[in-house]
Structure formats: C-alpha cells, structure tokens
Protein backbone atom coordinates (compact mmCIF):
# COMPACT_ATOMS: atom_id res chain seq x y z
CA MET A 1 -39.75 50.07 -38.32
CA ALA A 2 -42.13 47.86 -39.80
CA LEU A 3 -42.89 44.51 -38.09
CA TYR A 4 -42.21 42.77 -41.16
CA SER A 5 -39.71 42.87 -44.12
CA GLU A 6 -40.82 43.65 -47.87
CA LYS A 7 -39.70 40.18 -48.59
CA VAL A 8 -41.70 38.65 -45.83
CA MET A 9 -44.78 40.54 -47.19
CA ASP A 10 -43.92 39.65 -50.65
CA HIS A 11 -43.80 36.06 -50.18
CA PHE A 12 -46.72 36.14 -48.02
CA ARG A 13 -48.93 38.13 -50.56
CA ASN A 14 -47.42 36.31 -53.64
CA PRO A 15 -46.30 32.93 -52.46
CA ARG A 16 -44.13 30.60 -54.64
CA ASN A 17 -44.69 27.24 -55.24
CA VAL A 18 -47.74 26.59 -53.34
CA GLY A 19 -49.96 23.17 -54.10
CA PHE A 20 -49.15 19.95 -54.11
CA LEU A 21 -46.95 17.07 -56.31
CA ALA A 22 -49.54 14.37 -56.89
CA ASP A 23 -46.25 12.33 -57.98
CA ALA A 24 -44.11 13.59 -55.33
CA ASP A 25 -40.75 11.55 -54.41
CA GLY A 26 -40.76 12.92 -50.68
CA VAL A 27 -43.41 14.10 -48.55
CA GLY A 28 -42.60 15.98 -45.43
CA GLU A 29 -45.52 17.43 -42.74
CA VAL A 30 -44.43 19.31 -39.54
CA GLY A 31 -46.04 21.50 -37.02
CA ASN A 32 -48.04 21.37 -33.82
CA ALA A 33 -51.44 22.45 -33.26
CA LYS A 34 -50.16 24.64 -30.47
CA CYS A 35 -48.32 26.79 -32.54
CA GLY A 36 -51.11 26.54 -35.06
CA ASP A 37 -48.56 26.17 -38.20
CA ILE A 38 -48.64 23.20 -40.16
CA MET A 39 -46.28 23.07 -43.14
CA LYS A 40 -46.25 20.49 -45.67
CA VAL A 41 -43.27 20.11 -48.22
CA TYR A 42 -43.34 17.92 -51.60
CA LEU A 43 -40.53 17.24 -53.43
CA LYS A 44 -39.76 16.21 -57.23
CA ILE A 45 -36.25 14.65 -57.52
CA ASP A 46 -34.44 13.60 -60.33
CA ASN A 47 -30.60 12.63 -60.36
CA ASP A 48 -30.38 13.59 -56.75
CA THR A 49 -31.55 16.93 -57.38
CA VAL A 50 -34.74 18.94 -56.38
CA SER A 51 -36.35 18.92 -59.98
CA ASP A 52 -40.12 20.83 -58.33
CA VAL A 53 -40.91 21.44 -54.98
CA LYS A 54 -44.38 22.77 -53.75
CA PHE A 55 -45.76 23.40 -50.11
CA GLU A 56 -49.16 23.65 -48.43
CA THR A 57 -49.14 25.53 -45.49
CA PHE A 58 -51.75 26.44 -42.65
CA GLY A 59 -50.59 29.21 -40.51
CA CYS A 60 -49.74 32.50 -40.19
CA GLY A 61 -48.31 35.33 -42.76
CA SER A 62 -44.63 33.93 -41.65
CA ALA A 63 -45.48 30.61 -41.84
CA ILE A 64 -46.51 31.11 -45.76
CA ALA A 65 -43.73 33.18 -46.25
CA ALA A 66 -40.97 31.03 -44.43
CA SER A 67 -42.43 28.11 -46.97
CA SER A 68 -42.39 29.88 -49.87
CA MET A 69 -38.70 31.08 -49.07
CA ALA A 70 -37.77 27.83 -48.50
CA THR A 71 -39.18 26.06 -51.50
CA GLU A 72 -37.13 29.03 -53.69
CA MET A 73 -33.84 28.11 -52.06
CA ILE A 74 -34.24 24.68 -52.41
CA LYS A 75 -35.73 24.38 -56.31
CA GLY A 76 -32.87 23.24 -58.44
CA LYS A 77 -30.32 22.09 -55.81
CA PRO A 78 -28.78 18.69 -55.15
CA LEU A 79 -29.91 16.98 -51.87
CA PRO A 80 -26.32 17.24 -49.91
CA GLU A 81 -27.53 21.13 -50.37
CA VAL A 82 -30.62 21.16 -49.79
CA LEU A 83 -29.75 19.64 -46.31
CA LYS A 84 -27.59 22.73 -45.55
CA LEU A 85 -30.54 24.74 -44.94
CA THR A 86 -31.09 26.38 -42.62
CA ASN A 87 -33.68 27.80 -40.00
CA LYS A 88 -31.40 30.80 -39.75
CA ALA A 89 -30.63 31.04 -43.59
CA VAL A 90 -34.25 31.19 -44.51
CA ALA A 91 -34.93 33.90 -41.82
CA GLU A 92 -32.08 36.16 -43.38
CA ALA A 93 -33.41 35.37 -46.77
CA LEU A 94 -36.59 37.02 -45.86
CA ASP A 95 -34.89 40.14 -44.03
CA GLY A 96 -35.48 38.62 -40.86
CA LEU A 97 -38.70 37.78 -38.65
CA PRO A 98 -39.55 38.72 -35.36
CA ALA A 99 -38.55 36.87 -32.61
CA HIS A 100 -41.98 35.15 -31.79
CA LYS A 101 -42.22 34.17 -35.51
CA LEU A 102 -38.66 32.20 -35.91
CA HIS A 103 -40.26 29.08 -35.19
CA CYS A 104 -42.11 29.48 -38.60
CA SER A 105 -38.28 29.61 -40.45
CA VAL A 106 -37.46 26.48 -37.92
CA LEU A 107 -40.50 24.57 -39.05
CA ALA A 108 -39.69 25.45 -42.91
CA GLU A 109 -36.32 23.41 -42.33
CA GLU A 110 -37.71 21.02 -40.73
CA ALA A 111 -40.36 19.90 -43.64
CA VAL A 112 -37.80 20.31 -46.14
CA ARG A 113 -35.94 17.70 -43.98
CA ALA A 114 -38.86 15.41 -43.51
CA ALA A 115 -39.46 15.50 -47.13
CA ILE A 116 -36.18 14.25 -48.03
CA LYS A 117 -36.21 11.69 -45.27
CA ASP A 118 -39.29 10.48 -46.70
CA TYR A 119 -38.03 10.10 -50.10
CA TYR A 120 -34.62 8.19 -48.59
CA ASP A 121 -37.09 6.01 -46.78
CA LYS A 122 -38.71 4.72 -49.74
CA ASN A 123 -35.87 4.40 -51.88
CA GLY A 124 -33.77 2.76 -49.42
CA VAL A 125 -31.01 5.35 -49.26
CA GLU A 126 -29.01 5.24 -46.15
CA TYR A 127 -28.26 8.49 -44.23
CA ASP A 128 -27.30 9.58 -40.80
CA GLN A 129 -30.24 9.98 -38.56
CA SER A 130 -28.70 12.62 -36.78
CA GLN A 131 -29.43 15.04 -39.91
CA PHE A 132 -33.24 14.37 -39.23
CA PRO A 133 -34.41 15.52 -36.15
CA ASP A 134 -37.76 14.74 -34.92
CA CYS A 135 -40.39 17.58 -35.04
CA ALA A 136 -42.59 16.34 -32.00
CA SER A 137 -39.63 16.72 -29.73
CA CYS A 138 -39.07 20.24 -30.88
CA HIS A 139 -38.58 22.79 -27.85
CA ILE A 140 -40.11 25.63 -30.06
CA CYS A 141 -43.46 23.90 -30.43
CA GLY A 142 -43.53 20.81 -28.32
CA GLU A 143 -44.08 21.48 -24.67
C-alpha cells in the first residue's frame, strides 16, 4: 500500500487556490517552527459567503495537500458551514493521511478558523470564542 493516496499526491502536485489575496477580508496564519509547517489562508467574503480563498503553505507535501483540499472544501460556502470544517473531514477528503501527518489537516482547519476570526474581529462581528482555539496551545505542535 502506498504511503499517500492519489488525492494527496494530486493536491500536492497540482495544488488549488495557491497564492494570496491583496484585498482579503480575513487572513489566518498558523503553524509552528517545530513542526516545520506554516499555513496562511486568505478569505474574500461576500454576503457572509467565502467568494474566494487562497493559501500559502511552507511545509511538507501533506501540508500543501491539506491546505489545497481545505480551500476547495470551503470555496463558495457560507461562513456557518465553513466553521463546521474539521481536520477529520480534510483528511477523509484526501482519502487519508499517514498518522504522523495528521497534524497537517489540523493546521488546515486552524488556518481557516483563524482567517474567519480575523474577518469577524475586523468587522466587529460577535462570536463564540470557543469556536476559535489558539494554535499556539495546540498539543500537536506546541510542546
């Protein structure tokens, strides 16, 4: 059995939504130098819906694939639905990740959430703080 699924390899070799949005409404950056993976997600939001999304990821192939898949999963979706994105859903959409690479899907979820939180903060939107965990205290990277 191959270590990586065809979907992981496809999103690594042909990542979707790579780049940045100069006029982003929300930007989220997460990661840890210990892990070696840093993800930055840019959101353009119109009528409470993600109209465009881009990412920049410094990291391994799994991190790039997870970022790419997460952006595909949220593009065109309303924010309440985007907030339901989980690391498990990202990993499943990639047809799985090796256990030692699951932190990449966690970072993808956290980057999306951080970008939404940034949007909410910039626009004075009230939110439940428990929806936005602090990446710095994550048990996967922060030790």
